[in-house]
Structures are given as structure tokens and as C-alpha cells.
Amino acid sequence: TTGAIYPVFEGKEAIYAALLERSLTGLHTQV
């Protein structure tokens, strides 16, 4: 349910940012 997501991420923007943060961290490591 959406109620199960909100305690973890306050919105879709927070989820998007978390994915992008993980991606940029992986990019930095490889480079």
C-alpha cells in the first residue's frame, strides 16, 4: 500500500533521488 511506502520515502521525488544517488555513487566508484 502507499501507506507502507510513506514511512520510508515521503514521495516519488525522494525515491527518484535515492535511485540517482545510488547510481552516481556507483559511477564514481567505477571511474
PDB file of all heavy atoms in Angstrom:
ATOM      1  N   THR A   1       0.843  -1.194   0.000  1.00  0.00           N
ATOM      2  CA  THR A   1       0.000   0.000   0.000  1.00  0.00           C
ATOM      3  C   THR A   1       0.883   1.251   0.000  1.00  0.00           C
ATOM      4  O   THR A   1       2.067   1.196   0.363  1.00  0.00           O
ATOM      5  CB  THR A   1      -0.900   0.035   1.243  1.00  0.00           C
ATOM      6  OG1 THR A   1      -0.069   0.159   2.418  1.00  0.00           O
ATOM      7  CG2 THR A   1      -1.736  -1.231   1.340  1.00  0.00           C
ATOM      8  N   THR A   2       0.303   2.372  -0.396  1.00  0.00           N
ATOM      9  CA  THR A   2       1.055   3.622  -0.319  1.00  0.00           C
ATOM     10  C   THR A   2       1.416   3.937   1.132  1.00  0.00           C
ATOM     11  O   THR A   2       2.457   4.534   1.402  1.00  0.00           O
ATOM     12  CB  THR A   2       0.248   4.785  -0.911  1.00  0.00           C
ATOM     13  OG1 THR A   2      -1.038   4.844  -0.279  1.00  0.00           O
ATOM     14  CG2 THR A   2       0.060   4.611  -2.419  1.00  0.00           C
ATOM     15  N   GLY A   3       0.564   3.501   2.044  1.00  0.00           N
ATOM     16  CA  GLY A   3       0.840   3.714   3.470  1.00  0.00           C
ATOM     17  C   GLY A   3       2.098   3.011   3.935  1.00  0.00           C
ATOM     18  O   GLY A   3       2.733   3.445   4.906  1.00  0.00           O
ATOM     19  N   ALA A   4       2.483   1.938   3.241  1.00  0.00           N
ATOM     20  CA  ALA A   4       3.708   1.222   3.599  1.00  0.00           C
ATOM     21  C   ALA A   4       4.948   1.919   3.031  1.00  0.00           C
ATOM     22  O   ALA A   4       6.066   1.697   3.508  1.00  0.00           O
ATOM     23  CB  ALA A   4       3.650  -0.215   3.085  1.00  0.00           C
ATOM     24  N   ILE A   5       4.751   2.766   2.024  1.00  0.00           N
ATOM     25  CA  ILE A   5       5.886   3.456   1.405  1.00  0.00           C
ATOM     26  C   ILE A   5       6.234   4.747   2.137  1.00  0.00           C
ATOM     27  O   ILE A   5       7.412   5.067   2.334  1.00  0.00           O
ATOM     28  CB  ILE A   5       5.585   3.767  -0.082  1.00  0.00           C
ATOM     29  CG1 ILE A   5       5.408   2.462  -0.870  1.00  0.00           C
ATOM     30  CG2 ILE A   5       6.711   4.604  -0.691  1.00  0.00           C
ATOM     31  CD1 ILE A   5       5.099   2.675  -2.339  1.00  0.00           C
ATOM     32  N   TYR A   6       5.224   5.481   2.569  1.00  0.00           N
ATOM     33  CA  TYR A   6       5.471   6.815   3.120  1.00  0.00           C
ATOM     34  C   TYR A   6       6.388   6.846   4.351  1.00  0.00           C
ATOM     35  O   TYR A   6       7.127   7.821   4.518  1.00  0.00           O
ATOM     36  CB  TYR A   6       4.146   7.513   3.413  1.00  0.00           C
ATOM     37  CG  TYR A   6       3.502   8.078   2.169  1.00  0.00           C
ATOM     38  CD1 TYR A   6       2.291   7.583   1.694  1.00  0.00           C
ATOM     39  CD2 TYR A   6       4.120   9.095   1.443  1.00  0.00           C
ATOM     40  CE1 TYR A   6       1.709   8.091   0.539  1.00  0.00           C
ATOM     41  CE2 TYR A   6       3.552   9.601   0.282  1.00  0.00           C
ATOM     42  CZ  TYR A   6       2.347   9.101  -0.162  1.00  0.00           C
ATOM     43  OH  TYR A   6       1.776   9.603  -1.310  1.00  0.00           O
ATOM     44  N   PRO A   7       6.407   5.826   5.204  1.00  0.00           N
ATOM     45  CA  PRO A   7       7.388   5.868   6.298  1.00  0.00           C
ATOM     46  C   PRO A   7       8.836   5.752   5.815  1.00  0.00           C
ATOM     47  O   PRO A   7       9.769   6.108   6.534  1.00  0.00           O
ATOM     48  CB  PRO A   7       7.006   4.652   7.152  1.00  0.00           C
ATOM     49  CG  PRO A   7       5.574   4.381   6.838  1.00  0.00           C
ATOM     50  CD  PRO A   7       5.442   4.722   5.380  1.00  0.00           C
ATOM     51  N   VAL A   8       9.013   5.265   4.590  1.00  0.00           N
ATOM     52  CA  VAL A   8      10.350   5.064   4.027  1.00  0.00           C
ATOM     53  C   VAL A   8      10.735   6.230   3.121  1.00  0.00           C
ATOM     54  O   VAL A   8      11.850   6.753   3.180  1.00  0.00           O
ATOM     55  CB  VAL A   8      10.419   3.740   3.242  1.00  0.00           C
ATOM     56  CG1 VAL A   8      11.854   3.459   2.773  1.00  0.00           C
ATOM     57  CG2 VAL A   8       9.894   2.586   4.076  1.00  0.00           C
ATOM     58  N   PHE A   9       9.813   6.639   2.263  1.00  0.00           N
ATOM     59  CA  PHE A   9      10.028   7.755   1.333  1.00  0.00           C
ATOM     60  C   PHE A   9       8.807   8.665   1.383  1.00  0.00           C
ATOM     61  O   PHE A   9       7.683   8.182   1.263  1.00  0.00           O
ATOM     62  CB  PHE A   9      10.213   7.252  -0.101  1.00  0.00           C
ATOM     63  CG  PHE A   9      11.415   6.375  -0.305  1.00  0.00           C
ATOM     64  CD1 PHE A   9      11.280   4.993  -0.426  1.00  0.00           C
ATOM     65  CD2 PHE A   9      12.694   6.918  -0.383  1.00  0.00           C
ATOM     66  CE1 PHE A   9      12.381   4.183  -0.627  1.00  0.00           C
ATOM     67  CE2 PHE A   9      13.806   6.113  -0.578  1.00  0.00           C
ATOM     68  CZ  PHE A   9      13.654   4.741  -0.695  1.00  0.00           C
ATOM     69  N   GLU A  10       9.058   9.958   1.501  1.00  0.00           N
ATOM     70  CA  GLU A  10       7.924  10.876   1.637  1.00  0.00           C
ATOM     71  C   GLU A  10       7.226  11.161   0.315  1.00  0.00           C
ATOM     72  O   GLU A  10       6.143  11.755   0.298  1.00  0.00           O
ATOM     73  CB  GLU A  10       8.367  12.201   2.268  1.00  0.00           C
ATOM     74  CG  GLU A  10       9.228  13.088   1.390  1.00  0.00           C
ATOM     75  CD  GLU A  10      10.720  12.863   1.587  1.00  0.00           C
ATOM     76  OE1 GLU A  10      11.081  11.739   1.995  1.00  0.00           O
ATOM     77  OE2 GLU A  10      11.504  13.804   1.328  1.00  0.00           O
ATOM     78  N   GLY A  11       7.823  10.748  -0.784  1.00  0.00           N
ATOM     79  CA  GLY A  11       7.190  10.964  -2.076  1.00  0.00           C
ATOM     80  C   GLY A  11       8.020  10.361  -3.186  1.00  0.00           C
ATOM     81  O   GLY A  11       9.124   9.847  -2.961  1.00  0.00           O
ATOM     82  N   LYS A  12       7.486  10.431  -4.407  1.00  0.00           N
ATOM     83  CA  LYS A  12       8.191   9.817  -5.530  1.00  0.00           C
ATOM     84  C   LYS A  12       9.507  10.530  -5.817  1.00  0.00           C
ATOM     85  O   LYS A  12      10.458   9.909  -6.311  1.00  0.00           O
ATOM     86  CB  LYS A  12       7.300   9.798  -6.769  1.00  0.00           C
ATOM     87  CG  LYS A  12       6.944  11.170  -7.324  1.00  0.00           C
ATOM     88  CD  LYS A  12       6.088  11.056  -8.582  1.00  0.00           C
ATOM     89  CE  LYS A  12       5.797  12.436  -9.177  1.00  0.00           C
ATOM     90  NZ  LYS A  12       4.981  12.336 -10.414  1.00  0.00           N
ATOM     91  N   GLU A  13       9.570  11.834  -5.509  1.00  0.00           N
ATOM     92  CA  GLU A  13      10.813  12.566  -5.728  1.00  0.00           C
ATOM     93  C   GLU A  13      11.928  12.025  -4.841  1.00  0.00           C
ATOM     94  O   GLU A  13      13.085  11.948  -5.263  1.00  0.00           O
ATOM     95  CB  GLU A  13      10.594  14.061  -5.460  1.00  0.00           C
ATOM     96  CG  GLU A  13       9.666  14.742  -6.444  1.00  0.00           C
ATOM     97  CD  GLU A  13       8.195  14.530  -6.116  1.00  0.00           C
ATOM     98  OE1 GLU A  13       7.906  14.012  -5.016  1.00  0.00           O
ATOM     99  OE2 GLU A  13       7.344  14.879  -6.943  1.00  0.00           O
ATOM    100  N   ALA A  14      11.580  11.658  -3.608  1.00  0.00           N
ATOM    101  CA  ALA A  14      12.577  11.092  -2.690  1.00  0.00           C
ATOM    102  C   ALA A  14      13.064   9.738  -3.198  1.00  0.00           C
ATOM    103  O   ALA A  14      14.251   9.401  -3.078  1.00  0.00           O
ATOM    104  CB  ALA A  14      11.986  10.954  -1.296  1.00  0.00           C
ATOM    105  N   ILE A  15      12.160   8.955  -3.771  1.00  0.00           N
ATOM    106  CA  ILE A  15      12.542   7.657  -4.335  1.00  0.00           C
ATOM    107  C   ILE A  15      13.469   7.868  -5.534  1.00  0.00           C
ATOM    108  O   ILE A  15      14.510   7.207  -5.665  1.00  0.00           O
ATOM    109  CB  ILE A  15      11.298   6.864  -4.762  1.00  0.00           C
ATOM    110  CG1 ILE A  15      10.394   6.581  -3.561  1.00  0.00           C
ATOM    111  CG2 ILE A  15      11.710   5.554  -5.432  1.00  0.00           C
ATOM    112  CD1 ILE A  15       9.065   5.939  -3.926  1.00  0.00           C
ATOM    113  N   TYR A  16      13.099   8.787  -6.391  1.00  0.00           N
ATOM    114  CA  TYR A  16      13.899   9.099  -7.576  1.00  0.00           C
ATOM    115  C   TYR A  16      15.299   9.558  -7.170  1.00  0.00           C
ATOM    116  O   TYR A  16      16.301   9.123  -7.737  1.00  0.00           O
ATOM    117  CB  TYR A  16      13.192  10.186  -8.379  1.00  0.00           C
ATOM    118  CG  TYR A  16      13.629  10.285  -9.816  1.00  0.00           C
ATOM    119  CD1 TYR A  16      12.968   9.574 -10.812  1.00  0.00           C
ATOM    120  CD2 TYR A  16      14.694  11.096 -10.183  1.00  0.00           C
ATOM    121  CE1 TYR A  16      13.353   9.677 -12.136  1.00  0.00           C
ATOM    122  CE2 TYR A  16      15.083  11.203 -11.502  1.00  0.00           C
ATOM    123  CZ  TYR A  16      14.410  10.494 -12.478  1.00  0.00           C
ATOM    124  OH  TYR A  16      14.801  10.585 -13.788  1.00  0.00           O
ATOM    125  N   ALA A  17      15.348  10.426  -6.167  1.00  0.00           N
ATOM    126  CA  ALA A  17      16.640  10.923  -5.697  1.00  0.00           C
ATOM    127  C   ALA A  17      17.487   9.804  -5.120  1.00  0.00           C
ATOM    128  O   ALA A  17      18.709   9.778  -5.302  1.00  0.00           O
ATOM    129  CB  ALA A  17      16.428  12.023  -4.659  1.00  0.00           C
ATOM    130  N   ALA A  18      16.861   8.866  -4.411  1.00  0.00           N
ATOM    131  CA  ALA A  18      17.602   7.738  -3.841  1.00  0.00           C
ATOM    132  C   ALA A  18      18.196   6.863  -4.935  1.00  0.00           C
ATOM    133  O   ALA A  18      19.334   6.397  -4.832  1.00  0.00           O
ATOM    134  CB  ALA A  18      16.683   6.910  -2.934  1.00  0.00           C
ATOM    135  N   LEU A  19      17.429   6.631  -5.991  1.00  0.00           N
ATOM    136  CA  LEU A  19      17.941   5.853  -7.121  1.00  0.00           C
ATOM    137  C   LEU A  19      19.103   6.564  -7.801  1.00  0.00           C
ATOM    138  O   LEU A  19      20.113   5.943  -8.150  1.00  0.00           O
ATOM    139  CB  LEU A  19      16.822   5.601  -8.131  1.00  0.00           C
ATOM    140  CG  LEU A  19      15.731   4.619  -7.719  1.00  0.00           C
ATOM    141  CD1 LEU A  19      14.575   4.651  -8.720  1.00  0.00           C
ATOM    142  CD2 LEU A  19      16.289   3.203  -7.586  1.00  0.00           C
ATOM    143  N   LEU A  20      18.958   7.858  -7.983  1.00  0.00           N
ATOM    144  CA  LEU A  20      20.011   8.617  -8.655  1.00  0.00           C
ATOM    145  C   LEU A  20      21.254   8.729  -7.776  1.00  0.00           C
ATOM    146  O   LEU A  20      22.385   8.654  -8.276  1.00  0.00           O
ATOM    147  CB  LEU A  20      19.493   9.997  -9.024  1.00  0.00           C
ATOM    148  CG  LEU A  20      20.364  10.839  -9.960  1.00  0.00           C
ATOM    149  CD1 LEU A  20      20.804  10.041 -11.178  1.00  0.00           C
ATOM    150  CD2 LEU A  20      19.613  12.088 -10.400  1.00  0.00           C
ATOM    151  N   GLU A  21      21.060   8.871  -6.467  1.00  0.00           N
ATOM    152  CA  GLU A  21      22.205   8.916  -5.558  1.00  0.00           C
ATOM    153  C   GLU A  21      22.995   7.610  -5.621  1.00  0.00           C
ATOM    154  O   GLU A  21      24.226   7.600  -5.673  1.00  0.00           O
ATOM    155  CB  GLU A  21      21.728   9.164  -4.128  1.00  0.00           C
ATOM    156  CG  GLU A  21      22.859   9.219  -3.114  1.00  0.00           C
ATOM    157  CD  GLU A  21      22.378   9.474  -1.696  1.00  0.00           C
ATOM    158  OE1 GLU A  21      21.150   9.549  -1.483  1.00  0.00           O
ATOM    159  OE2 GLU A  21      23.235   9.589  -0.796  1.00  0.00           O
ATOM    160  N   ARG A  22      22.276   6.499  -5.637  1.00  0.00           N
ATOM    161  CA  ARG A  22      22.935   5.191  -5.732  1.00  0.00           C
ATOM    162  C   ARG A  22      23.687   5.071  -7.053  1.00  0.00           C
ATOM    163  O   ARG A  22      24.815   4.566  -7.099  1.00  0.00           O
ATOM    164  CB  ARG A  22      21.890   4.078  -5.603  1.00  0.00           C
ATOM    165  CG  ARG A  22      22.446   2.687  -5.801  1.00  0.00           C
ATOM    166  CD  ARG A  22      21.362   1.641  -5.649  1.00  0.00           C
ATOM    167  NE  ARG A  22      20.889   1.543  -4.276  1.00  0.00           N
ATOM    168  CZ  ARG A  22      19.962   0.677  -3.870  1.00  0.00           C
ATOM    169  NH1 ARG A  22      19.412  -0.162  -4.725  1.00  0.00           N
ATOM    170  NH2 ARG A  22      19.594   0.642  -2.603  1.00  0.00           N
ATOM    171  N   SER A  23      23.076   5.547  -8.131  1.00  0.00           N
ATOM    172  CA  SER A  23      23.707   5.481  -9.440  1.00  0.00           C
ATOM    173  C   SER A  23      24.988   6.309  -9.483  1.00  0.00           C
ATOM    174  O   SER A  23      26.035   5.844  -9.955  1.00  0.00           O
ATOM    175  CB  SER A  23      22.726   5.987 -10.501  1.00  0.00           C
ATOM    176  OG  SER A  23      23.370   6.140 -11.749  1.00  0.00           O
ATOM    177  N   LEU A  24      24.930   7.531  -8.993  1.00  0.00           N
ATOM    178  CA  LEU A  24      26.104   8.409  -9.022  1.00  0.00           C
ATOM    179  C   LEU A  24      27.229   7.887  -8.138  1.00  0.00           C
ATOM    180  O   LEU A  24      28.407   8.074  -8.447  1.00  0.00           O
ATOM    181  CB  LEU A  24      25.703   9.818  -8.602  1.00  0.00           C
ATOM    182  CG  LEU A  24      24.824  10.568  -9.611  1.00  0.00           C
ATOM    183  CD1 LEU A  24      24.289  11.866  -9.004  1.00  0.00           C
ATOM    184  CD2 LEU A  24      25.590  10.861 -10.891  1.00  0.00           C
ATOM    185  N   THR A  25      26.864   7.222  -7.053  1.00  0.00           N
ATOM    186  CA  THR A  25      27.880   6.613  -6.186  1.00  0.00           C
ATOM    187  C   THR A  25      28.575   5.467  -6.914  1.00  0.00           C
ATOM    188  O   THR A  25      29.806   5.334  -6.868  1.00  0.00           O
ATOM    189  CB  THR A  25      27.245   6.118  -4.880  1.00  0.00           C
ATOM    190  OG1 THR A  25      26.648   7.226  -4.195  1.00  0.00           O
ATOM    191  CG2 THR A  25      28.282   5.465  -3.975  1.00  0.00           C
ATOM    192  N   GLY A  26      27.791   4.636  -7.605  1.00  0.00           N
ATOM    193  CA  GLY A  26      28.375   3.547  -8.384  1.00  0.00           C
ATOM    194  C   GLY A  26      29.245   4.054  -9.516  1.00  0.00           C
ATOM    195  O   GLY A  26      30.308   3.499  -9.797  1.00  0.00           O
ATOM    196  N   LEU A  27      28.796   5.126 -10.170  1.00  0.00           N
ATOM    197  CA  LEU A  27      29.579   5.746 -11.238  1.00  0.00           C
ATOM    198  C   LEU A  27      30.929   6.224 -10.713  1.00  0.00           C
ATOM    199  O   LEU A  27      31.975   5.967 -11.320  1.00  0.00           O
ATOM    200  CB  LEU A  27      28.802   6.914 -11.832  1.00  0.00           C
ATOM    201  CG  LEU A  27      29.547   7.786 -12.840  1.00  0.00           C
ATOM    202  CD1 LEU A  27      29.829   7.010 -14.119  1.00  0.00           C
ATOM    203  CD2 LEU A  27      28.746   9.053 -13.154  1.00  0.00           C
ATOM    204  N   HIS A  28      30.898   6.906  -9.596  1.00  0.00           N
ATOM    205  CA  HIS A  28      32.137   7.435  -9.020  1.00  0.00           C
ATOM    206  C   HIS A  28      33.108   6.310  -8.700  1.00  0.00           C
ATOM    207  O   HIS A  28      34.310   6.411  -8.988  1.00  0.00           O
ATOM    208  CB  HIS A  28      31.832   8.237  -7.759  1.00  0.00           C
ATOM    209  CG  HIS A  28      33.060   8.828  -7.122  1.00  0.00           C
ATOM    210  ND1 HIS A  28      33.783   8.156  -6.160  1.00  0.00           N
ATOM    211  CD2 HIS A  28      33.702  10.008  -7.318  1.00  0.00           C
ATOM    212  CE1 HIS A  28      34.811   8.905  -5.791  1.00  0.00           C
ATOM    213  NE2 HIS A  28      34.789  10.019  -6.480  1.00  0.00           N
ATOM    214  N   THR A  29      32.622   5.234  -8.126  1.00  0.00           N
ATOM    215  CA  THR A  29      33.487   4.108  -7.776  1.00  0.00           C
ATOM    216  C   THR A  29      34.156   3.534  -9.009  1.00  0.00           C
ATOM    217  O   THR A  29      35.373   3.289  -9.020  1.00  0.00           O
ATOM    218  CB  THR A  29      32.669   3.017  -7.066  1.00  0.00           C
ATOM    219  OG1 THR A  29      32.137   3.549  -5.846  1.00  0.00           O
ATOM    220  CG2 THR A  29      33.538   1.804  -6.751  1.00  0.00           C
ATOM    221  N   GLN A  30      33.380   3.318 -10.072  1.00  0.00           N
ATOM    222  CA  GLN A  30      33.934   2.713 -11.290  1.00  0.00           C
ATOM    223  C   GLN A  30      34.965   3.629 -11.947  1.00  0.00           C
ATOM    224  O   GLN A  30      36.030   3.167 -12.383  1.00  0.00           O
ATOM    225  CB  GLN A  30      32.808   2.400 -12.275  1.00  0.00           C
ATOM    226  CG  GLN A  30      33.275   1.701 -13.537  1.00  0.00           C
ATOM    227  CD  GLN A  30      32.164   0.958 -14.240  1.00  0.00           C
ATOM    228  OE1 GLN A  30      31.415   0.202 -13.622  1.00  0.00           O
ATOM    229  NE2 GLN A  30      32.032   1.157 -15.539  1.00  0.00           N
ATOM    230  N   VAL A  31      34.676   4.915 -12.013  1.00  0.00           N
ATOM    231  CA  VAL A  31      35.596   5.860 -12.641  1.00  0.00           C
ATOM    232  C   VAL A  31      36.869   6.008 -11.810  1.00  0.00           C
ATOM    233  O   VAL A  31      37.979   6.036 -12.348  1.00  0.00           O
ATOM    234  CB  VAL A  31      34.913   7.223 -12.843  1.00  0.00           C
ATOM    235  CG1 VAL A  31      35.914   8.276 -13.309  1.00  0.00           C
ATOM    236  CG2 VAL A  31      33.786   7.107 -13.856  1.00  0.00           C
TER     237      VAL A  31
END
